[in-house]
Amino acid sequence: MEQNDSIVIIPTYNEKENIEKIIRAVFGLEKRFHILIIDDGSPDGTASIVHRLMETEFSDRLFIIERSGKQGLGTAYIAGFKWSLARQYEYIFEMDADFSHDPNDLPRLYAACHDEGNDVAIGSRYVSGVNVVNWPMGRVLMSYFASQYVRLVTGFSIHDTTAGFVCYRRRVLETIPLDEVRFKGYGFQIEMKFTAYKIGFRIKEVPVVFVNRREGTSKMSGGIFGEAFFGVIRLRLDGWFRKYPTIKN
């Protein structure tokens, strides 16, 4: 395996239309990244496409963890975080497979941490207005006001708390007790950012444009938003009473 300081974790479930394209787009960047796919038993053959690319072209920088069945976005990322920490990556990214996150923004998130000294860089849809393309208006409003709700309840100043396009420095994921993270859907994204904030890590929002998927099927559900809505209240209570870890030097 070639040495690299950065890995992009991409969870997948039935992404055969997108997976090869997103892998090639990331590997086509001037800044070199490794990719870790977390596939939850996609019946459409997503994992088979990844294995073919690993065997024929990208054996030294493309990797996969295959899990049995849909186990939730949060648990996929936790598995990916642990795998990455065991292999000494310094910058660990979250990104979707469907091109809603532009691979060309990965170097900007990297620079926000590597060059500017931030601990967490968030690809933010809302820090400079509402930068969302091709989403139904109802979903835009739901997402935007969900982030506003989090800010109101928790006092957390981040504009896009549910964002799934994130770069974490290694020390953030080493400090957060990953086995204690409770939420699996959008609540997971909020919990990770809020916990990093409460510990005292430096967080920067990097403006990005979010584009609704062109191929494949959305994995969004009302239950995911419900978890986030009620989970925020629990996070607020945690903020009052929980003892958070201290930053390791």
C-alpha atoms as a PDB file:
ATOM      1  CA  MET A   1       0.000   0.000   0.000  1.00  0.00           C
ATOM      2  CA  GLU A   2       1.372   3.434  -0.926  1.00  0.00           C
ATOM      3  CA  GLN A   3       1.827   5.953   1.866  1.00  0.00           C
ATOM      4  CA  ASN A   4      -0.741   8.746   2.035  1.00  0.00           C
ATOM      5  CA  ASP A   5      -1.972  11.133   4.707  1.00  0.00           C
ATOM      6  CA  SER A   6      -5.621  11.264   3.555  1.00  0.00           C
ATOM      7  CA  ILE A   7      -8.447   8.787   3.121  1.00  0.00           C
ATOM      8  CA  VAL A   8     -12.010   9.356   1.907  1.00  0.00           C
ATOM      9  CA  ILE A   9     -14.669   7.109   3.467  1.00  0.00           C
ATOM     10  CA  ILE A  10     -17.671   6.512   1.189  1.00  0.00           C
ATOM     11  CA  PRO A  11     -20.609   4.466   2.538  1.00  0.00           C
ATOM     12  CA  THR A  12     -22.619   2.685  -0.142  1.00  0.00           C
ATOM     13  CA  TYR A  13     -25.882   0.873  -0.573  1.00  0.00           C
ATOM     14  CA  ASN A  14     -27.013   0.198  -4.164  1.00  0.00           C
ATOM     15  CA  GLU A  15     -24.710   2.716  -5.841  1.00  0.00           C
ATOM     16  CA  LYS A  16     -23.724   0.767  -8.964  1.00  0.00           C
ATOM     17  CA  GLU A  17     -24.585   3.761 -11.197  1.00  0.00           C
ATOM     18  CA  ASN A  18     -22.205   6.051  -9.319  1.00  0.00           C
ATOM     19  CA  ILE A  19     -19.469   4.062  -7.597  1.00  0.00           C
ATOM     20  CA  GLU A  20     -16.933   3.708 -10.416  1.00  0.00           C
ATOM     21  CA  LYS A  21     -17.448   7.322 -11.510  1.00  0.00           C
ATOM     22  CA  ILE A  22     -16.906   8.731  -7.997  1.00  0.00           C
ATOM     23  CA  ILE A  23     -13.820   6.578  -7.435  1.00  0.00           C
ATOM     24  CA  ARG A  24     -12.264   7.735 -10.712  1.00  0.00           C
ATOM     25  CA  ALA A  25     -13.173  11.352  -9.973  1.00  0.00           C
ATOM     26  CA  VAL A  26     -11.401  11.258  -6.590  1.00  0.00           C
ATOM     27  CA  PHE A  27      -8.362   9.468  -7.993  1.00  0.00           C
ATOM     28  CA  GLY A  28      -8.222  11.998 -10.836  1.00  0.00           C
ATOM     29  CA  LEU A  29      -7.468  14.877  -8.465  1.00  0.00           C
ATOM     30  CA  GLU A  30      -3.985  16.361  -8.314  1.00  0.00           C
ATOM     31  CA  LYS A  31      -3.928  15.838  -4.538  1.00  0.00           C
ATOM     32  CA  ARG A  32      -3.769  12.088  -3.951  1.00  0.00           C
ATOM     33  CA  PHE A  33      -6.333  10.480  -1.684  1.00  0.00           C
ATOM     34  CA  HIS A  34      -7.020   6.892  -0.691  1.00  0.00           C
ATOM     35  CA  ILE A  35     -10.625   5.646  -0.671  1.00  0.00           C
ATOM     36  CA  LEU A  36     -12.363   3.263   1.724  1.00  0.00           C
ATOM     37  CA  ILE A  37     -15.780   1.988   0.630  1.00  0.00           C
ATOM     38  CA  ILE A  38     -18.144   0.747   3.354  1.00  0.00           C
ATOM     39  CA  ASP A  39     -20.752  -1.340   1.577  1.00  0.00           C
ATOM     40  CA  ASP A  40     -23.798  -2.601   3.465  1.00  0.00           C
ATOM     41  CA  GLY A  41     -24.515  -5.700   1.399  1.00  0.00           C
ATOM     42  CA  SER A  42     -25.709  -3.886  -1.746  1.00  0.00           C
ATOM     43  CA  PRO A  43     -27.745  -6.408  -3.776  1.00  0.00           C
ATOM     44  CA  ASP A  44     -27.063  -4.463  -6.993  1.00  0.00           C
ATOM     45  CA  GLY A  45     -23.400  -5.476  -7.180  1.00  0.00           C
ATOM     46  CA  THR A  46     -21.782  -2.256  -5.941  1.00  0.00           C
ATOM     47  CA  ALA A  47     -19.127  -4.213  -4.038  1.00  0.00           C
ATOM     48  CA  SER A  48     -18.281  -6.305  -7.112  1.00  0.00           C
ATOM     49  CA  ILE A  49     -17.490  -3.140  -9.057  1.00  0.00           C
ATOM     50  CA  VAL A  50     -15.187  -1.980  -6.262  1.00  0.00           C
ATOM     51  CA  HIS A  51     -13.395  -5.327  -6.144  1.00  0.00           C
ATOM     52  CA  ARG A  52     -12.859  -5.230  -9.921  1.00  0.00           C
ATOM     53  CA  LEU A  53     -11.252  -1.789  -9.659  1.00  0.00           C
ATOM     54  CA  MET A  54      -9.119  -2.934  -6.733  1.00  0.00           C
ATOM     55  CA  GLU A  55      -7.861  -5.956  -8.639  1.00  0.00           C
ATOM     56  CA  THR A  56      -7.225  -4.275 -11.991  1.00  0.00           C
ATOM     57  CA  GLU A  57      -6.171  -0.677 -11.289  1.00  0.00           C
ATOM     58  CA  PHE A  58      -6.144   0.603  -7.724  1.00  0.00           C
ATOM     59  CA  SER A  59      -4.843  -2.157  -5.453  1.00  0.00           C
ATOM     60  CA  ASP A  60      -2.643   0.235  -3.476  1.00  0.00           C
ATOM     61  CA  ARG A  61      -5.206   2.955  -2.676  1.00  0.00           C
ATOM     62  CA  LEU A  62      -8.752   1.561  -2.915  1.00  0.00           C
ATOM     63  CA  PHE A  63     -10.153  -0.529  -0.068  1.00  0.00           C
ATOM     64  CA  ILE A  64     -13.505  -1.968   0.974  1.00  0.00           C
ATOM     65  CA  ILE A  65     -15.275  -3.157   4.098  1.00  0.00           C
ATOM     66  CA  GLU A  66     -18.326  -5.297   3.338  1.00  0.00           C
ATOM     67  CA  ARG A  67     -21.062  -5.565   5.957  1.00  0.00           C
ATOM     68  CA  SER A  68     -24.171  -7.725   6.015  1.00  0.00           C
ATOM     69  CA  GLY A  69     -27.244  -5.595   5.429  1.00  0.00           C
ATOM     70  CA  LYS A  70     -28.083  -1.965   6.123  1.00  0.00           C
ATOM     71  CA  GLN A  71     -26.694  -1.076   9.548  1.00  0.00           C
ATOM     72  CA  GLY A  72     -26.927   2.699   9.428  1.00  0.00           C
ATOM     73  CA  LEU A  73     -24.790   5.565   8.198  1.00  0.00           C
ATOM     74  CA  GLY A  74     -23.300   6.266  11.606  1.00  0.00           C
ATOM     75  CA  THR A  75     -22.092   2.721  12.191  1.00  0.00           C
ATOM     76  CA  ALA A  76     -20.598   2.678   8.678  1.00  0.00           C
ATOM     77  CA  TYR A  77     -18.542   5.771   9.417  1.00  0.00           C
ATOM     78  CA  ILE A  78     -17.500   4.481  12.838  1.00  0.00           C
ATOM     79  CA  ALA A  79     -16.217   1.289  11.177  1.00  0.00           C
ATOM     80  CA  GLY A  80     -14.380   3.417   8.630  1.00  0.00           C
ATOM     81  CA  PHE A  81     -12.906   5.703  11.280  1.00  0.00           C
ATOM     82  CA  LYS A  82     -11.529   2.757  13.247  1.00  0.00           C
ATOM     83  CA  TRP A  83     -10.071   1.150  10.114  1.00  0.00           C
ATOM     84  CA  SER A  84      -8.405   4.431   9.139  1.00  0.00           C
ATOM     85  CA  LEU A  85      -7.015   5.141  12.611  1.00  0.00           C
ATOM     86  CA  ALA A  86      -5.414   1.693  12.622  1.00  0.00           C
ATOM     87  CA  ARG A  87      -3.524   2.661   9.445  1.00  0.00           C
ATOM     88  CA  GLN A  88      -2.101   6.035  10.483  1.00  0.00           C
ATOM     89  CA  TYR A  89      -4.036   8.385   8.195  1.00  0.00           C
ATOM     90  CA  GLU A  90      -3.893  11.990   9.407  1.00  0.00           C
ATOM     91  CA  TYR A  91      -6.915  13.388   7.511  1.00  0.00           C
ATOM     92  CA  ILE A  92     -10.081  11.315   7.362  1.00  0.00           C
ATOM     93  CA  PHE A  93     -12.987  12.392   5.152  1.00  0.00           C
ATOM     94  CA  GLU A  94     -16.694  11.629   4.905  1.00  0.00           C
ATOM     95  CA  MET A  95     -18.278  11.853   1.446  1.00  0.00           C
ATOM     96  CA  ASP A  96     -21.348  10.540  -0.379  1.00  0.00           C
ATOM     97  CA  ALA A  97     -21.100   8.297  -3.435  1.00  0.00           C
ATOM     98  CA  ASP A  98     -23.732  10.075  -5.543  1.00  0.00           C
ATOM     99  CA  PHE A  99     -21.862  13.277  -6.538  1.00  0.00           C
ATOM    100  CA  SER A 100     -23.989  15.433  -4.236  1.00  0.00           C
ATOM    101  CA  HIS A 101     -20.558  16.262  -2.817  1.00  0.00           C
ATOM    102  CA  ASP A 102     -18.173  17.506  -5.503  1.00  0.00           C
ATOM    103  CA  PRO A 103     -14.845  15.620  -5.365  1.00  0.00           C
ATOM    104  CA  ASN A 104     -13.144  18.839  -6.510  1.00  0.00           C
ATOM    105  CA  ASP A 105     -13.936  20.293  -3.077  1.00  0.00           C
ATOM    106  CA  LEU A 106     -11.884  17.643  -1.261  1.00  0.00           C
ATOM    107  CA  PRO A 107      -8.618  19.623  -1.601  1.00  0.00           C
ATOM    108  CA  ARG A 108     -10.363  22.699  -0.153  1.00  0.00           C
ATOM    109  CA  LEU A 109     -11.435  20.760   2.940  1.00  0.00           C
ATOM    110  CA  TYR A 110      -7.935  19.302   3.180  1.00  0.00           C
ATOM    111  CA  ALA A 111      -6.391  22.775   2.998  1.00  0.00           C
ATOM    112  CA  ALA A 112      -8.697  24.062   5.745  1.00  0.00           C
ATOM    113  CA  CYS A 113      -7.190  21.467   8.091  1.00  0.00           C
ATOM    114  CA  HIS A 114      -3.678  20.889   6.735  1.00  0.00           C
ATOM    115  CA  ASP A 115      -2.779  24.472   5.803  1.00  0.00           C
ATOM    116  CA  GLU A 116      -4.985  26.548   8.104  1.00  0.00           C
ATOM    117  CA  GLY A 117      -4.682  24.407  11.233  1.00  0.00           C
ATOM    118  CA  ASN A 118      -8.350  23.574  11.781  1.00  0.00           C
ATOM    119  CA  ASP A 119      -9.314  20.234  13.312  1.00  0.00           C
ATOM    120  CA  VAL A 120     -12.610  19.775  11.448  1.00  0.00           C
ATOM    121  CA  ALA A 121     -13.564  21.157   8.033  1.00  0.00           C
ATOM    122  CA  ILE A 122     -17.227  20.997   7.029  1.00  0.00           C
ATOM    123  CA  GLY A 123     -18.396  21.270   3.430  1.00  0.00           C
ATOM    124  CA  SER A 124     -21.236  23.650   4.248  1.00  0.00           C
ATOM    125  CA  ARG A 125     -24.353  24.271   2.185  1.00  0.00           C
ATOM    126  CA  TYR A 126     -25.546  27.155   4.340  1.00  0.00           C
ATOM    127  CA  VAL A 127     -22.568  29.194   5.575  1.00  0.00           C
ATOM    128  CA  SER A 128     -22.845  31.562   2.585  1.00  0.00           C
ATOM    129  CA  GLY A 129     -26.577  31.406   1.849  1.00  0.00           C
ATOM    130  CA  VAL A 130     -28.386  28.299   0.601  1.00  0.00           C
ATOM    131  CA  ASN A 131     -26.170  26.503  -1.935  1.00  0.00           C
ATOM    132  CA  VAL A 132     -28.323  23.555  -2.980  1.00  0.00           C
ATOM    133  CA  VAL A 133     -29.095  22.538  -6.584  1.00  0.00           C
ATOM    134  CA  ASN A 134     -31.984  20.365  -7.849  1.00  0.00           C
ATOM    135  CA  TRP A 135     -33.458  19.563  -4.447  1.00  0.00           C
ATOM    136  CA  PRO A 136     -37.248  19.845  -4.049  1.00  0.00           C
ATOM    137  CA  MET A 137     -38.052  23.046  -2.151  1.00  0.00           C
ATOM    138  CA  GLY A 138     -39.652  21.104   0.691  1.00  0.00           C
ATOM    139  CA  ARG A 139     -36.478  19.156   1.272  1.00  0.00           C
ATOM    140  CA  VAL A 140     -34.316  22.288   1.097  1.00  0.00           C
ATOM    141  CA  LEU A 141     -36.468  23.957   3.725  1.00  0.00           C
ATOM    142  CA  MET A 142     -36.478  20.848   5.921  1.00  0.00           C
ATOM    143  CA  SER A 143     -32.683  20.569   5.808  1.00  0.00           C
ATOM    144  CA  TYR A 144     -32.069  24.287   6.303  1.00  0.00           C
ATOM    145  CA  PHE A 145     -34.446  24.652   9.225  1.00  0.00           C
ATOM    146  CA  ALA A 146     -33.122  21.432  10.778  1.00  0.00           C
ATOM    147  CA  SER A 147     -29.729  23.124  11.036  1.00  0.00           C
ATOM    148  CA  GLN A 148     -31.355  26.290  12.380  1.00  0.00           C
ATOM    149  CA  TYR A 149     -33.182  24.169  14.964  1.00  0.00           C
ATOM    150  CA  VAL A 150     -29.894  22.595  16.092  1.00  0.00           C
ATOM    151  CA  ARG A 151     -28.325  26.043  16.490  1.00  0.00           C
ATOM    152  CA  LEU A 152     -31.306  27.296  18.501  1.00  0.00           C
ATOM    153  CA  VAL A 153     -31.529  24.319  20.859  1.00  0.00           C
ATOM    154  CA  THR A 154     -27.824  23.688  21.437  1.00  0.00           C
ATOM    155  CA  GLY A 155     -26.260  27.128  21.010  1.00  0.00           C
ATOM    156  CA  PHE A 156     -23.918  25.514  18.472  1.00  0.00           C
ATOM    157  CA  SER A 157     -22.900  28.147  15.910  1.00  0.00           C
ATOM    158  CA  ILE A 158     -22.292  25.861  12.906  1.00  0.00           C
ATOM    159  CA  HIS A 159     -24.662  26.635  10.008  1.00  0.00           C
ATOM    160  CA  ASP A 160     -24.761  23.154   8.412  1.00  0.00           C
ATOM    161  CA  THR A 161     -24.821  20.700  11.302  1.00  0.00           C
ATOM    162  CA  THR A 162     -26.252  17.812   9.236  1.00  0.00           C
ATOM    163  CA  ALA A 163     -23.577  18.071   6.524  1.00  0.00           C
ATOM    164  CA  GLY A 164     -22.082  14.751   5.457  1.00  0.00           C
ATOM    165  CA  PHE A 165     -19.050  16.206   3.662  1.00  0.00           C
ATOM    166  CA  VAL A 166     -16.402  16.523   6.364  1.00  0.00           C
ATOM    167  CA  CYS A 167     -12.659  16.296   6.998  1.00  0.00           C
ATOM    168  CA  TYR A 168     -11.508  15.249  10.474  1.00  0.00           C
ATOM    169  CA  ARG A 169      -7.954  15.441  11.661  1.00  0.00           C
ATOM    170  CA  ARG A 170      -6.790  12.224  13.226  1.00  0.00           C
ATOM    171  CA  ARG A 171      -6.635  13.602  16.761  1.00  0.00           C
ATOM    172  CA  VAL A 172     -10.351  14.467  16.685  1.00  0.00           C
ATOM    173  CA  LEU A 173     -11.362  10.859  16.036  1.00  0.00           C
ATOM    174  CA  GLU A 174      -8.803   9.601  18.555  1.00  0.00           C
ATOM    175  CA  THR A 175     -10.318  11.858  21.232  1.00  0.00           C
ATOM    176  CA  ILE A 176     -14.042  11.332  20.614  1.00  0.00           C
ATOM    177  CA  PRO A 177     -15.137   8.031  22.213  1.00  0.00           C
ATOM    178  CA  LEU A 178     -16.429   6.452  19.013  1.00  0.00           C
ATOM    179  CA  ASP A 179     -18.088   3.508  20.757  1.00  0.00           C
ATOM    180  CA  GLU A 180     -20.259   5.972  22.703  1.00  0.00           C
ATOM    181  CA  VAL A 181     -21.686   7.729  19.630  1.00  0.00           C
ATOM    182  CA  ARG A 182     -25.412   6.982  19.756  1.00  0.00           C
ATOM    183  CA  PHE A 183     -27.060   8.116  16.554  1.00  0.00           C
ATOM    184  CA  LYS A 184     -27.077   6.373  13.179  1.00  0.00           C
ATOM    185  CA  GLY A 185     -28.595   8.792  10.635  1.00  0.00           C
ATOM    186  CA  TYR A 186     -28.455  12.573  10.435  1.00  0.00           C
ATOM    187  CA  GLY A 187     -28.280  12.576  14.208  1.00  0.00           C
ATOM    188  CA  PHE A 188     -24.828  11.010  13.830  1.00  0.00           C
ATOM    189  CA  GLN A 189     -23.584  13.970  11.804  1.00  0.00           C
ATOM    190  CA  ILE A 190     -24.891  16.432  14.375  1.00  0.00           C
ATOM    191  CA  GLU A 191     -23.512  14.445  17.307  1.00  0.00           C
ATOM    192  CA  MET A 192     -20.005  14.195  15.856  1.00  0.00           C
ATOM    193  CA  LYS A 193     -19.771  17.929  15.154  1.00  0.00           C
ATOM    194  CA  PHE A 194     -21.310  18.931  18.480  1.00  0.00           C
ATOM    195  CA  THR A 195     -18.977  16.619  20.409  1.00  0.00           C
ATOM    196  CA  ALA A 196     -15.926  18.016  18.587  1.00  0.00           C
ATOM    197  CA  TYR A 197     -17.133  21.521  19.425  1.00  0.00           C
ATOM    198  CA  LYS A 198     -17.699  20.733  23.124  1.00  0.00           C
ATOM    199  CA  ILE A 199     -14.243  19.176  23.419  1.00  0.00           C
ATOM    200  CA  GLY A 200     -12.752  22.370  22.031  1.00  0.00           C
ATOM    201  CA  PHE A 201     -11.567  21.471  18.532  1.00  0.00           C
ATOM    202  CA  ARG A 202     -11.282  24.168  15.871  1.00  0.00           C
ATOM    203  CA  ILE A 203     -14.061  23.842  13.281  1.00  0.00           C
ATOM    204  CA  LYS A 204     -14.326  25.662   9.963  1.00  0.00           C
ATOM    205  CA  GLU A 205     -17.187  25.686   7.481  1.00  0.00           C
ATOM    206  CA  VAL A 206     -16.037  25.695   3.848  1.00  0.00           C
ATOM    207  CA  PRO A 207     -18.758  26.840   1.409  1.00  0.00           C
ATOM    208  CA  VAL A 208     -19.738  24.167  -1.116  1.00  0.00           C
ATOM    209  CA  VAL A 209     -22.570  23.645  -3.583  1.00  0.00           C
ATOM    210  CA  PHE A 210     -24.665  20.551  -2.878  1.00  0.00           C
ATOM    211  CA  VAL A 211     -26.156  18.929  -6.001  1.00  0.00           C
ATOM    212  CA  ASN A 212     -28.968  16.400  -5.734  1.00  0.00           C
ATOM    213  CA  ARG A 213     -28.086  12.940  -7.037  1.00  0.00           C
ATOM    214  CA  ARG A 214     -28.589  12.383 -10.758  1.00  0.00           C
ATOM    215  CA  GLU A 215     -28.485   8.580 -10.679  1.00  0.00           C
ATOM    216  CA  GLY A 216     -29.564   5.975  -8.131  1.00  0.00           C
ATOM    217  CA  THR A 217     -32.088   6.270  -5.327  1.00  0.00           C
ATOM    218  CA  SER A 218     -32.026   8.547  -2.284  1.00  0.00           C
ATOM    219  CA  LYS A 219     -31.633   6.804   1.095  1.00  0.00           C
ATOM    220  CA  MET A 220     -33.430   9.612   2.986  1.00  0.00           C
ATOM    221  CA  SER A 221     -36.316   8.706   5.294  1.00  0.00           C
ATOM    222  CA  GLY A 222     -38.572  10.383   7.801  1.00  0.00           C
ATOM    223  CA  GLY A 223     -37.071   8.243  10.558  1.00  0.00           C
ATOM    224  CA  ILE A 224     -33.633   9.728   9.900  1.00  0.00           C
ATOM    225  CA  PHE A 225     -34.960  13.249  10.418  1.00  0.00           C
ATOM    226  CA  GLY A 226     -36.945  12.118  13.452  1.00  0.00           C
ATOM    227  CA  GLU A 227     -33.805  10.772  15.077  1.00  0.00           C
ATOM    228  CA  ALA A 228     -32.060  14.078  14.457  1.00  0.00           C
ATOM    229  CA  PHE A 229     -34.982  16.150  15.789  1.00  0.00           C
ATOM    230  CA  PHE A 230     -35.275  14.367  19.121  1.00  0.00           C
ATOM    231  CA  GLY A 231     -31.576  13.603  19.392  1.00  0.00           C
ATOM    232  CA  VAL A 232     -30.739  17.304  19.470  1.00  0.00           C
ATOM    233  CA  ILE A 233     -32.575  17.694  22.770  1.00  0.00           C
ATOM    234  CA  ARG A 234     -30.510  14.874  24.220  1.00  0.00           C
ATOM    235  CA  LEU A 235     -27.320  16.500  22.958  1.00  0.00           C
ATOM    236  CA  ARG A 236     -28.315  19.726  24.691  1.00  0.00           C
ATOM    237  CA  LEU A 237     -28.745  17.856  27.966  1.00  0.00           C
ATOM    238  CA  ASP A 238     -25.379  16.180  27.414  1.00  0.00           C
ATOM    239  CA  GLY A 239     -23.851  19.604  26.946  1.00  0.00           C
ATOM    240  CA  TRP A 240     -24.968  20.536  30.441  1.00  0.00           C
ATOM    241  CA  PHE A 241     -24.118  17.366  32.328  1.00  0.00           C
ATOM    242  CA  ARG A 242     -21.683  15.212  30.352  1.00  0.00           C
ATOM    243  CA  LYS A 243     -17.945  15.286  31.027  1.00  0.00           C
ATOM    244  CA  TYR A 244     -16.217  15.520  27.646  1.00  0.00           C
ATOM    245  CA  PRO A 245     -12.697  14.258  26.944  1.00  0.00           C
ATOM    246  CA  THR A 246      -9.785  16.674  26.871  1.00  0.00           C
ATOM    247  CA  ILE A 247      -7.747  17.287  23.727  1.00  0.00           C
ATOM    248  CA  LYS A 248      -4.635  15.136  23.494  1.00  0.00           C
ATOM    249  CA  ASN A 249      -1.488  17.040  22.570  1.00  0.00           C
END
